[in-house]
Amino acid sequence: MDFKNASLLRIFLNEKNTFKGKPLYEQIVLQANELKLAGATVLRGILGFGAGHHLHSAKILTLSEDMPVVVEIVDSEENINKLLPFLKKEASEGIVTLEKVKVFS
């Protein structure tokens, strides 16, 4: 197996975070696609809380439109750095992490 060094960018948001009237997670993925990053995935959480400690839950009887959302992007650190100016400006309500990973290809 051959593994390559890469970086994993995670952006923790909630569904109500917006950019120009559209979901911020969607705009992040579109921006990553424009920059030709290797890949992006949006994951919707079923339970979570943020700095305000308000619990968000996806229980069957509760239809919440403010669930936790995580955007994961994998590429080289150099390529991911191209997205950071957009995130610094527009994802100020979220948490952004960056870690080194090994990618099998």
PDB file of N, CA and C in Angstrom:
ATOM      1  N   MET A   1       0.834  -1.186   0.000  1.00  0.00           N
ATOM      2  CA  MET A   1       0.000   0.000   0.000  1.00  0.00           C
ATOM      3  C   MET A   1       0.876   1.245   0.000  1.00  0.00           C
ATOM      4  N   ASP A   2       0.498   2.187  -0.828  1.00  0.00           N
ATOM      5  CA  ASP A   2       1.206   3.452  -0.881  1.00  0.00           C
ATOM      6  C   ASP A   2       0.349   4.543  -0.259  1.00  0.00           C
ATOM      7  N   PHE A   3       0.895   5.180   0.766  1.00  0.00           N
ATOM      8  CA  PHE A   3       0.205   6.289   1.404  1.00  0.00           C
ATOM      9  C   PHE A   3       0.932   7.584   1.076  1.00  0.00           C
ATOM     10  N   LYS A   4       0.145   8.639   0.833  1.00  0.00           N
ATOM     11  CA  LYS A   4       0.713   9.967   0.593  1.00  0.00           C
ATOM     12  C   LYS A   4       0.392  10.847   1.786  1.00  0.00           C
ATOM     13  N   ASN A   5       1.292  11.790   2.056  1.00  0.00           N
ATOM     14  CA  ASN A   5       1.007  12.792   3.084  1.00  0.00           C
ATOM     15  C   ASN A   5      -0.034  13.768   2.548  1.00  0.00           C
ATOM     16  N   ALA A   6      -0.973  14.126   3.408  1.00  0.00           N
ATOM     17  CA  ALA A   6      -2.016  15.081   3.032  1.00  0.00           C
ATOM     18  C   ALA A   6      -2.467  15.794   4.301  1.00  0.00           C
ATOM     19  N   SER A   7      -3.434  16.665   4.139  1.00  0.00           N
ATOM     20  CA  SER A   7      -4.017  17.373   5.278  1.00  0.00           C
ATOM     21  C   SER A   7      -5.529  17.199   5.250  1.00  0.00           C
ATOM     22  N   LEU A   8      -6.114  17.160   6.445  1.00  0.00           N
ATOM     23  CA  LEU A   8      -7.561  17.071   6.604  1.00  0.00           C
ATOM     24  C   LEU A   8      -8.027  18.346   7.289  1.00  0.00           C
ATOM     25  N   LEU A   9      -8.856  19.091   6.593  1.00  0.00           N
ATOM     26  CA  LEU A   9      -9.442  20.318   7.122  1.00  0.00           C
ATOM     27  C   LEU A   9     -10.858  19.996   7.560  1.00  0.00           C
ATOM     28  N   ARG A  10     -11.193  20.350   8.805  1.00  0.00           N
ATOM     29  CA  ARG A  10     -12.555  20.150   9.305  1.00  0.00           C
ATOM     30  C   ARG A  10     -13.109  21.499   9.735  1.00  0.00           C
ATOM     31  N   ILE A  11     -14.325  21.768   9.303  1.00  0.00           N
ATOM     32  CA  ILE A  11     -15.002  23.000   9.684  1.00  0.00           C
ATOM     33  C   ILE A  11     -16.295  22.603  10.396  1.00  0.00           C
ATOM     34  N   PHE A  12     -16.394  22.965  11.670  1.00  0.00           N
ATOM     35  CA  PHE A  12     -17.564  22.641  12.480  1.00  0.00           C
ATOM     36  C   PHE A  12     -18.500  23.856  12.479  1.00  0.00           C
ATOM     37  N   LEU A  13     -19.719  23.655  11.993  1.00  0.00           N
ATOM     38  CA  LEU A  13     -20.705  24.726  11.868  1.00  0.00           C
ATOM     39  C   LEU A  13     -22.052  24.217  12.367  1.00  0.00           C
ATOM     40  N   ASN A  14     -23.069  25.028  12.158  1.00  0.00           N
ATOM     41  CA  ASN A  14     -24.424  24.514  12.281  1.00  0.00           C
ATOM     42  C   ASN A  14     -25.178  24.902  11.021  1.00  0.00           C
ATOM     43  N   GLU A  15     -26.288  24.253  10.802  1.00  0.00           N
ATOM     44  CA  GLU A  15     -27.017  24.444   9.549  1.00  0.00           C
ATOM     45  C   GLU A  15     -27.482  25.876   9.326  1.00  0.00           C
ATOM     46  N   LYS A  16     -27.650  26.636  10.376  1.00  0.00           N
ATOM     47  CA  LYS A  16     -28.151  28.007  10.228  1.00  0.00           C
ATOM     48  C   LYS A  16     -27.069  29.018   9.842  1.00  0.00           C
ATOM     49  N   ASN A  17     -25.804  28.618   9.866  1.00  0.00           N
ATOM     50  CA  ASN A  17     -24.750  29.531   9.415  1.00  0.00           C
ATOM     51  C   ASN A  17     -24.917  29.751   7.917  1.00  0.00           C
ATOM     52  N   THR A  18     -24.965  31.029   7.500  1.00  0.00           N
ATOM     53  CA  THR A  18     -25.186  31.331   6.087  1.00  0.00           C
ATOM     54  C   THR A  18     -24.114  32.260   5.531  1.00  0.00           C
ATOM     55  N   PHE A  19     -24.039  32.282   4.217  1.00  0.00           N
ATOM     56  CA  PHE A  19     -23.169  33.189   3.471  1.00  0.00           C
ATOM     57  C   PHE A  19     -23.970  33.643   2.262  1.00  0.00           C
ATOM     58  N   LYS A  20     -24.237  34.936   2.187  1.00  0.00           N
ATOM     59  CA  LYS A  20     -25.023  35.513   1.088  1.00  0.00           C
ATOM     60  C   LYS A  20     -26.354  34.786   0.917  1.00  0.00           C
ATOM     61  N   GLY A  21     -27.006  34.492   2.047  1.00  0.00           N
ATOM     62  CA  GLY A  21     -28.331  33.899   2.011  1.00  0.00           C
ATOM     63  C   GLY A  21     -28.393  32.404   1.759  1.00  0.00           C
ATOM     64  N   LYS A  22     -27.255  31.755   1.615  1.00  0.00           N
ATOM     65  CA  LYS A  22     -27.219  30.312   1.371  1.00  0.00           C
ATOM     66  C   LYS A  22     -26.455  29.637   2.504  1.00  0.00           C
ATOM     67  N   PRO A  23     -26.683  28.326   2.698  1.00  0.00           N
ATOM     68  CA  PRO A  23     -25.959  27.641   3.766  1.00  0.00           C
ATOM     69  C   PRO A  23     -24.442  27.779   3.604  1.00  0.00           C
ATOM     70  N   LEU A  24     -23.766  28.129   4.698  1.00  0.00           N
ATOM     71  CA  LEU A  24     -22.319  28.323   4.645  1.00  0.00           C
ATOM     72  C   LEU A  24     -21.603  27.042   4.236  1.00  0.00           C
ATOM     73  N   TYR A  25     -22.069  25.884   4.726  1.00  0.00           N
ATOM     74  CA  TYR A  25     -21.401  24.631   4.364  1.00  0.00           C
ATOM     75  C   TYR A  25     -21.430  24.409   2.856  1.00  0.00           C
ATOM     76  N   GLU A  26     -22.527  24.804   2.214  1.00  0.00           N
ATOM     77  CA  GLU A  26     -22.638  24.675   0.766  1.00  0.00           C
ATOM     78  C   GLU A  26     -21.646  25.598   0.061  1.00  0.00           C
ATOM     79  N   GLN A  27     -21.533  26.812   0.550  1.00  0.00           N
ATOM     80  CA  GLN A  27     -20.608  27.775  -0.057  1.00  0.00           C
ATOM     81  C   GLN A  27     -19.154  27.340   0.108  1.00  0.00           C
ATOM     82  N   ILE A  28     -18.831  26.710   1.254  1.00  0.00           N
ATOM     83  CA  ILE A  28     -17.471  26.207   1.474  1.00  0.00           C
ATOM     84  C   ILE A  28     -17.145  25.120   0.456  1.00  0.00           C
ATOM     85  N   VAL A  29     -18.072  24.197   0.242  1.00  0.00           N
ATOM     86  CA  VAL A  29     -17.848  23.120  -0.724  1.00  0.00           C
ATOM     87  C   VAL A  29     -17.722  23.686  -2.137  1.00  0.00           C
ATOM     88  N   LEU A  30     -18.574  24.643  -2.489  1.00  0.00           N
ATOM     89  CA  LEU A  30     -18.479  25.262  -3.815  1.00  0.00           C
ATOM     90  C   LEU A  30     -17.141  25.973  -3.999  1.00  0.00           C
ATOM     91  N   GLN A  31     -16.681  26.664  -2.948  1.00  0.00           N
ATOM     92  CA  GLN A  31     -15.389  27.357  -3.013  1.00  0.00           C
ATOM     93  C   GLN A  31     -14.247  26.342  -3.161  1.00  0.00           C
ATOM     94  N   ALA A  32     -14.320  25.238  -2.415  1.00  0.00           N
ATOM     95  CA  ALA A  32     -13.302  24.183  -2.516  1.00  0.00           C
ATOM     96  C   ALA A  32     -13.285  23.582  -3.916  1.00  0.00           C
ATOM     97  N   ASN A  33     -14.456  23.412  -4.490  1.00  0.00           N
ATOM     98  CA  ASN A  33     -14.547  22.876  -5.849  1.00  0.00           C
ATOM     99  C   ASN A  33     -13.943  23.850  -6.859  1.00  0.00           C
ATOM    100  N   GLU A  34     -14.243  25.142  -6.703  1.00  0.00           N
ATOM    101  CA  GLU A  34     -13.659  26.163  -7.588  1.00  0.00           C
ATOM    102  C   GLU A  34     -12.143  26.156  -7.526  1.00  0.00           C
ATOM    103  N   LEU A  35     -11.611  25.910  -6.320  1.00  0.00           N
ATOM    104  CA  LEU A  35     -10.162  25.886  -6.135  1.00  0.00           C
ATOM    105  C   LEU A  35      -9.544  24.554  -6.552  1.00  0.00           C
ATOM    106  N   LYS A  36     -10.375  23.638  -7.038  1.00  0.00           N
ATOM    107  CA  LYS A  36      -9.934  22.318  -7.518  1.00  0.00           C
ATOM    108  C   LYS A  36      -9.299  21.478  -6.409  1.00  0.00           C
ATOM    109  N   LEU A  37      -9.820  21.606  -5.174  1.00  0.00           N
ATOM    110  CA  LEU A  37      -9.322  20.773  -4.093  1.00  0.00           C
ATOM    111  C   LEU A  37      -9.755  19.335  -4.342  1.00  0.00           C
ATOM    112  N   ALA A  38      -9.037  18.390  -3.736  1.00  0.00           N
ATOM    113  CA  ALA A  38      -9.224  16.973  -4.051  1.00  0.00           C
ATOM    114  C   ALA A  38     -10.616  16.447  -3.709  1.00  0.00           C
ATOM    115  N   GLY A  39     -11.208  16.906  -2.616  1.00  0.00           N
ATOM    116  CA  GLY A  39     -12.529  16.406  -2.262  1.00  0.00           C
ATOM    117  C   GLY A  39     -13.066  17.077  -1.020  1.00  0.00           C
ATOM    118  N   ALA A  40     -14.393  17.112  -0.909  1.00  0.00           N
ATOM    119  CA  ALA A  40     -15.057  17.707   0.252  1.00  0.00           C
ATOM    120  C   ALA A  40     -16.323  16.919   0.539  1.00  0.00           C
ATOM    121  N   THR A  41     -16.634  16.771   1.814  1.00  0.00           N
ATOM    122  CA  THR A  41     -17.845  16.075   2.241  1.00  0.00           C
ATOM    123  C   THR A  41     -18.487  16.861   3.368  1.00  0.00           C
ATOM    124  N   VAL A  42     -19.816  16.942   3.356  1.00  0.00           N
ATOM    125  CA  VAL A  42     -20.561  17.580   4.430  1.00  0.00           C
ATOM    126  C   VAL A  42     -21.275  16.481   5.213  1.00  0.00           C
ATOM    127  N   LEU A  43     -21.078  16.492   6.531  1.00  0.00           N
ATOM    128  CA  LEU A  43     -21.693  15.515   7.418  1.00  0.00           C
ATOM    129  C   LEU A  43     -22.645  16.237   8.360  1.00  0.00           C
ATOM    130  N   ARG A  44     -23.850  15.729   8.501  1.00  0.00           N
ATOM    131  CA  ARG A  44     -24.848  16.326   9.399  1.00  0.00           C
ATOM    132  C   ARG A  44     -24.881  15.511  10.682  1.00  0.00           C
ATOM    133  N   GLY A  45     -24.711  16.191  11.802  1.00  0.00           N
ATOM    134  CA  GLY A  45     -24.729  15.518  13.089  1.00  0.00           C
ATOM    135  C   GLY A  45     -26.135  15.223  13.564  1.00  0.00           C
ATOM    136  N   ILE A  46     -26.248  14.259  14.475  1.00  0.00           N
ATOM    137  CA  ILE A  46     -27.553  13.940  15.054  1.00  0.00           C
ATOM    138  C   ILE A  46     -27.695  14.487  16.470  1.00  0.00           C
ATOM    139  N   LEU A  47     -26.576  14.883  17.062  1.00  0.00           N
ATOM    140  CA  LEU A  47     -26.601  15.454  18.402  1.00  0.00           C
ATOM    141  C   LEU A  47     -25.323  16.252  18.600  1.00  0.00           C
ATOM    142  N   GLY A  48     -25.434  17.427  19.206  1.00  0.00           N
ATOM    143  CA  GLY A  48     -24.234  18.209  19.462  1.00  0.00           C
ATOM    144  C   GLY A  48     -24.547  19.523  20.142  1.00  0.00           C
ATOM    145  N   PHE A  49     -23.486  20.214  20.562  1.00  0.00           N
ATOM    146  CA  PHE A  49     -23.614  21.553  21.119  1.00  0.00           C
ATOM    147  C   PHE A  49     -22.345  22.314  20.822  1.00  0.00           C
ATOM    148  N   GLY A  50     -22.446  23.626  20.894  1.00  0.00           N
ATOM    149  CA  GLY A  50     -21.303  24.488  20.641  1.00  0.00           C
ATOM    150  C   GLY A  50     -20.937  25.270  21.880  1.00  0.00           C
ATOM    151  N   ALA A  51     -20.269  26.398  21.670  1.00  0.00           N
ATOM    152  CA  ALA A  51     -19.768  27.214  22.778  1.00  0.00           C
ATOM    153  C   ALA A  51     -20.882  27.678  23.709  1.00  0.00           C
ATOM    154  N   GLY A  52     -22.091  27.875  23.176  1.00  0.00           N
ATOM    155  CA  GLY A  52     -23.208  28.315  24.000  1.00  0.00           C
ATOM    156  C   GLY A  52     -23.860  27.199  24.794  1.00  0.00           C
ATOM    157  N   HIS A  53     -23.416  25.977  24.586  1.00  0.00           N
ATOM    158  CA  HIS A  53     -23.908  24.783  25.283  1.00  0.00           C
ATOM    159  C   HIS A  53     -25.400  24.538  25.090  1.00  0.00           C
ATOM    160  N   HIS A  54     -25.939  25.016  23.977  1.00  0.00           N
ATOM    161  CA  HIS A  54     -27.327  24.721  23.620  1.00  0.00           C
ATOM    162  C   HIS A  54     -27.319  23.393  22.870  1.00  0.00           C
ATOM    163  N   LEU A  55     -28.032  22.394  23.376  1.00  0.00           N
ATOM    164  CA  LEU A  55     -28.047  21.060  22.790  1.00  0.00           C
ATOM    165  C   LEU A  55     -28.945  21.027  21.558  1.00  0.00           C
ATOM    166  N   HIS A  56     -28.414  20.514  20.456  1.00  0.00           N
ATOM    167  CA  HIS A  56     -29.150  20.334  19.209  1.00  0.00           C
ATOM    168  C   HIS A  56     -29.322  18.836  19.011  1.00  0.00           C
ATOM    169  N   SER A  57     -30.568  18.399  18.792  1.00  0.00           N
ATOM    170  CA  SER A  57     -30.853  16.977  18.694  1.00  0.00           C
ATOM    171  C   SER A  57     -31.729  16.686  17.492  1.00  0.00           C
ATOM    172  N   ALA A  58     -31.530  15.515  16.892  1.00  0.00           N
ATOM    173  CA  ALA A  58     -32.341  15.079  15.760  1.00  0.00           C
ATOM    174  C   ALA A  58     -33.273  13.949  16.176  1.00  0.00           C
ATOM    175  N   LYS A  59     -33.873  14.084  17.345  1.00  0.00           N
ATOM    176  CA  LYS A  59     -34.810  13.056  17.805  1.00  0.00           C
ATOM    177  C   LYS A  59     -35.976  12.967  16.835  1.00  0.00           C
ATOM    178  N   ILE A  60     -36.603  11.809  16.771  1.00  0.00           N
ATOM    179  CA  ILE A  60     -37.672  11.552  15.810  1.00  0.00           C
ATOM    180  C   ILE A  60     -38.785  12.590  15.903  1.00  0.00           C
ATOM    181  N   LEU A  61     -39.175  12.978  17.101  1.00  0.00           N
ATOM    182  CA  LEU A  61     -40.286  13.921  17.258  1.00  0.00           C
ATOM    183  C   LEU A  61     -39.862  15.380  17.153  1.00  0.00           C
ATOM    184  N   THR A  62     -38.583  15.615  17.020  1.00  0.00           N
ATOM    185  CA  THR A  62     -38.081  16.984  16.945  1.00  0.00           C
ATOM    186  C   THR A  62     -37.445  17.201  15.581  1.00  0.00           C
ATOM    187  N   LEU A  63     -37.988  18.104  14.794  1.00  0.00           N
ATOM    188  CA  LEU A  63     -37.404  18.429  13.498  1.00  0.00           C
ATOM    189  C   LEU A  63     -36.599  19.710  13.647  1.00  0.00           C
ATOM    190  N   SER A  64     -35.324  19.561  13.861  1.00  0.00           N
ATOM    191  CA  SER A  64     -34.463  20.722  14.032  1.00  0.00           C
ATOM    192  C   SER A  64     -33.813  21.079  12.706  1.00  0.00           C
ATOM    193  N   GLU A  65     -33.768  22.364  12.423  1.00  0.00           N
ATOM    194  CA  GLU A  65     -33.077  22.848  11.224  1.00  0.00           C
ATOM    195  C   GLU A  65     -31.782  23.536  11.606  1.00  0.00           C
ATOM    196  N   ASP A  66     -31.323  23.280  12.808  1.00  0.00           N
ATOM    197  CA  ASP A  66     -30.086  23.912  13.275  1.00  0.00           C
ATOM    198  C   ASP A  66     -29.150  22.842  13.835  1.00  0.00           C
ATOM    199  N   MET A  67     -28.966  21.788  13.072  1.00  0.00           N
ATOM    200  CA  MET A  67     -28.144  20.671  13.511  1.00  0.00           C
ATOM    201  C   MET A  67     -26.656  20.958  13.257  1.00  0.00           C
ATOM    202  N   PRO A  68     -25.786  20.258  14.010  1.00  0.00           N
ATOM    203  CA  PRO A  68     -24.355  20.404  13.764  1.00  0.00           C
ATOM    204  C   PRO A  68     -24.007  19.901  12.361  1.00  0.00           C
ATOM    205  N   VAL A  69     -23.077  20.583  11.721  1.00  0.00           N
ATOM    206  CA  VAL A  69     -22.604  20.209  10.396  1.00  0.00           C
ATOM    207  C   VAL A  69     -21.079  20.256  10.413  1.00  0.00           C
ATOM    208  N   VAL A  70     -20.456  19.252   9.810  1.00  0.00           N
ATOM    209  CA  VAL A  70     -19.002  19.229   9.677  1.00  0.00           C
ATOM    210  C   VAL A  70     -18.668  19.119   8.199  1.00  0.00           C
ATOM    211  N   VAL A  71     -17.814  20.006   7.723  1.00  0.00           N
ATOM    212  CA  VAL A  71     -17.302  19.937   6.355  1.00  0.00           C
ATOM    213  C   VAL A  71     -15.888  19.389   6.455  1.00  0.00           C
ATOM    214  N   GLU A  72     -15.616  18.302   5.738  1.00  0.00           N
ATOM    215  CA  GLU A  72     -14.272  17.719   5.720  1.00  0.00           C
ATOM    216  C   GLU A  72     -13.697  17.852   4.323  1.00  0.00           C
ATOM    217  N   ILE A  73     -12.461  18.330   4.263  1.00  0.00           N
ATOM    218  CA  ILE A  73     -11.774  18.514   2.988  1.00  0.00           C
ATOM    219  C   ILE A  73     -10.391  17.906   3.114  1.00  0.00           C
ATOM    220  N   VAL A  74     -10.026  17.064   2.148  1.00  0.00           N
ATOM    221  CA  VAL A  74      -8.713  16.423   2.143  1.00  0.00           C
ATOM    222  C   VAL A  74      -7.964  16.852   0.896  1.00  0.00           C
ATOM    223  N   ASP A  75      -6.724  17.294   1.082  1.00  0.00           N
ATOM    224  CA  ASP A  75      -5.851  17.665  -0.031  1.00  0.00           C
ATOM    225  C   ASP A  75      -4.477  17.932   0.568  1.00  0.00           C
ATOM    226  N   SER A  76      -3.579  18.418  -0.244  1.00  0.00           N
ATOM    227  CA  SER A  76      -2.271  18.819   0.282  1.00  0.00           C
ATOM    228  C   SER A  76      -2.457  20.072   1.139  1.00  0.00           C
ATOM    229  N   GLU A  77      -1.555  20.279   2.073  1.00  0.00           N
ATOM    230  CA  GLU A  77      -1.646  21.482   2.909  1.00  0.00           C
ATOM    231  C   GLU A  77      -1.553  22.734   2.053  1.00  0.00           C
ATOM    232  N   GLU A  78      -0.724  22.686   1.039  1.00  0.00           N
ATOM    233  CA  GLU A  78      -0.560  23.828   0.133  1.00  0.00           C
ATOM    234  C   GLU A  78      -1.890  24.191  -0.534  1.00  0.00           C
ATOM    235  N   ASN A  79      -2.611  23.186  -1.009  1.00  0.00           N
ATOM    236  CA  ASN A  79      -3.891  23.459  -1.664  1.00  0.00           C
ATOM    237  C   ASN A  79      -4.961  23.907  -0.661  1.00  0.00           C
ATOM    238  N   ILE A  80      -4.984  23.289   0.507  1.00  0.00           N
ATOM    239  CA  ILE A  80      -5.956  23.676   1.527  1.00  0.00           C
ATOM    240  C   ILE A  80      -5.742  25.121   1.962  1.00  0.00           C
ATOM    241  N   ASN A  81      -4.496  25.546   1.995  1.00  0.00           N
ATOM    242  CA  ASN A  81      -4.192  26.932   2.380  1.00  0.00           C
ATOM    243  C   ASN A  81      -4.859  27.946   1.456  1.00  0.00           C
ATOM    244  N   LYS A  82      -5.189  27.549   0.235  1.00  0.00           N
ATOM    245  CA  LYS A  82      -5.874  28.444  -0.701  1.00  0.00           C
ATOM    246  C   LYS A  82      -7.296  28.773  -0.232  1.00  0.00           C
ATOM    247  N   LEU A  83      -7.878  27.885   0.573  1.00  0.00           N
ATOM    248  CA  LEU A  83      -9.238  28.081   1.057  1.00  0.00           C
ATOM    249  C   LEU A  83      -9.288  28.899   2.345  1.00  0.00           C
ATOM    250  N   LEU A  84      -8.188  28.986   3.055  1.00  0.00           N
ATOM    251  CA  LEU A  84      -8.178  29.615   4.370  1.00  0.00           C
ATOM    252  C   LEU A  84      -8.606  31.080   4.382  1.00  0.00           C
ATOM    253  N   PRO A  85      -8.235  31.910   3.406  1.00  0.00           N
ATOM    254  CA  PRO A  85      -8.722  33.304   3.440  1.00  0.00           C
ATOM    255  C   PRO A  85     -10.251  33.388   3.437  1.00  0.00           C
ATOM    256  N   PHE A  86     -10.910  32.556   2.657  1.00  0.00           N
ATOM    257  CA  PHE A  86     -12.372  32.526   2.634  1.00  0.00           C
ATOM    258  C   PHE A  86     -12.914  32.112   4.004  1.00  0.00           C
ATOM    259  N   LEU A  87     -12.311  31.085   4.604  1.00  0.00           N
ATOM    260  CA  LEU A  87     -12.773  30.603   5.908  1.00  0.00           C
ATOM    261  C   LEU A  87     -12.546  31.633   7.003  1.00  0.00           C
ATOM    262  N   LYS A  88     -11.399  32.298   6.980  1.00  0.00           N
ATOM    263  CA  LYS A  88     -11.114  33.312   8.001  1.00  0.00           C
ATOM    264  C   LYS A  88     -12.147  34.426   7.956  1.00  0.00           C
ATOM    265  N   LYS A  89     -12.596  34.746   6.758  1.00  0.00           N
ATOM    266  CA  LYS A  89     -13.550  35.835   6.589  1.00  0.00           C
ATOM    267  C   LYS A  89     -14.982  35.384   6.882  1.00  0.00           C
ATOM    268  N   GLU A  90     -15.363  34.183   6.441  1.00  0.00           N
ATOM    269  CA  GLU A  90     -16.775  33.795   6.446  1.00  0.00           C
ATOM    270  C   GLU A  90     -17.162  32.743   7.486  1.00  0.00           C
ATOM    271  N   ALA A  91     -16.209  32.012   8.051  1.00  0.00           N
ATOM    272  CA  ALA A  91     -16.555  30.945   9.000  1.00  0.00           C
ATOM    273  C   ALA A  91     -16.164  31.324  10.424  1.00  0.00           C
ATOM    274  N   SER A  92     -16.338  32.584  10.770  1.00  0.00           N
ATOM    275  CA  SER A  92     -15.915  33.057  12.089  1.00  0.00           C
ATOM    276  C   SER A  92     -16.750  32.464  13.220  1.00  0.00           C
ATOM    277  N   GLU A  93     -17.958  31.968  12.923  1.00  0.00           N
ATOM    278  CA  GLU A  93     -18.803  31.374  13.951  1.00  0.00           C
ATOM    279  C   GLU A  93     -18.482  29.903  14.192  1.00  0.00           C
ATOM    280  N   GLY A  94     -17.711  29.304  13.331  1.00  0.00           N
ATOM    281  CA  GLY A  94     -17.406  27.884  13.454  1.00  0.00           C
ATOM    282  C   GLY A  94     -16.033  27.639  14.044  1.00  0.00           C
ATOM    283  N   ILE A  95     -15.699  26.370  14.120  1.00  0.00           N
ATOM    284  CA  ILE A  95     -14.365  25.955  14.564  1.00  0.00           C
ATOM    285  C   ILE A  95     -13.702  25.277  13.375  1.00  0.00           C
ATOM    286  N   VAL A  96     -12.460  25.633  13.108  1.00  0.00           N
ATOM    287  CA  VAL A  96     -11.717  25.066  11.984  1.00  0.00           C
ATOM    288  C   VAL A  96     -10.497  24.337  12.531  1.00  0.00           C
ATOM    289  N   THR A  97     -10.320  23.082  12.107  1.00  0.00           N
ATOM    290  CA  THR A  97      -9.143  22.314  12.516  1.00  0.00           C
ATOM    291  C   THR A  97      -8.404  21.833  11.275  1.00  0.00           C
ATOM    292  N   LEU A  98      -7.117  21.615  11.428  1.00  0.00           N
ATOM    293  CA  LEU A  98      -6.277  21.110  10.342  1.00  0.00           C
ATOM    294  C   LEU A  98      -5.334  20.088  10.928  1.00  0.00           C
ATOM    295  N   GLU A  99      -5.297  18.909  10.325  1.00  0.00           N
ATOM    296  CA  GLU A  99      -4.398  17.869  10.820  1.00  0.00           C
ATOM    297  C   GLU A  99      -3.745  17.136   9.653  1.00  0.00           C
ATOM    298  N   LYS A 100      -2.600  16.590   9.932  1.00  0.00           N
ATOM    299  CA  LYS A 100      -1.883  15.815   8.927  1.00  0.00           C
ATOM    300  C   LYS A 100      -2.463  14.407   8.911  1.00  0.00           C
ATOM    301  N   VAL A 101      -2.645  13.880   7.691  1.00  0.00           N
ATOM    302  CA  VAL A 101      -3.181  12.534   7.513  1.00  0.00           C
ATOM    303  C   VAL A 101      -2.378  11.802   6.443  1.00  0.00           C
ATOM    304  N   LYS A 102      -2.553  10.513   6.388  1.00  0.00           N
ATOM    305  CA  LYS A 102      -1.984   9.684   5.326  1.00  0.00           C
ATOM    306  C   LYS A 102      -3.139   9.229   4.454  1.00  0.00           C
ATOM    307  N   VAL A 103      -2.992   9.399   3.146  1.00  0.00           N
ATOM    308  CA  VAL A 103      -4.046   9.054   2.200  1.00  0.00           C
ATOM    309  C   VAL A 103      -3.580   7.892   1.344  1.00  0.00           C
ATOM    310  N   PHE A 104      -4.393   6.856   1.302  1.00  0.00           N
ATOM    311  CA  PHE A 104      -4.101   5.707   0.464  1.00  0.00           C
ATOM    312  C   PHE A 104      -4.538   6.002  -0.964  1.00  0.00           C
ATOM    313  N   SER A 105      -3.623   5.796  -1.907  1.00  0.00           N
ATOM    314  CA  SER A 105      -4.015   6.010  -3.313  1.00  0.00           C
ATOM    315  C   SER A 105      -3.348   4.987  -4.206  1.00  0.00           C
TER     316      SER A 105
END
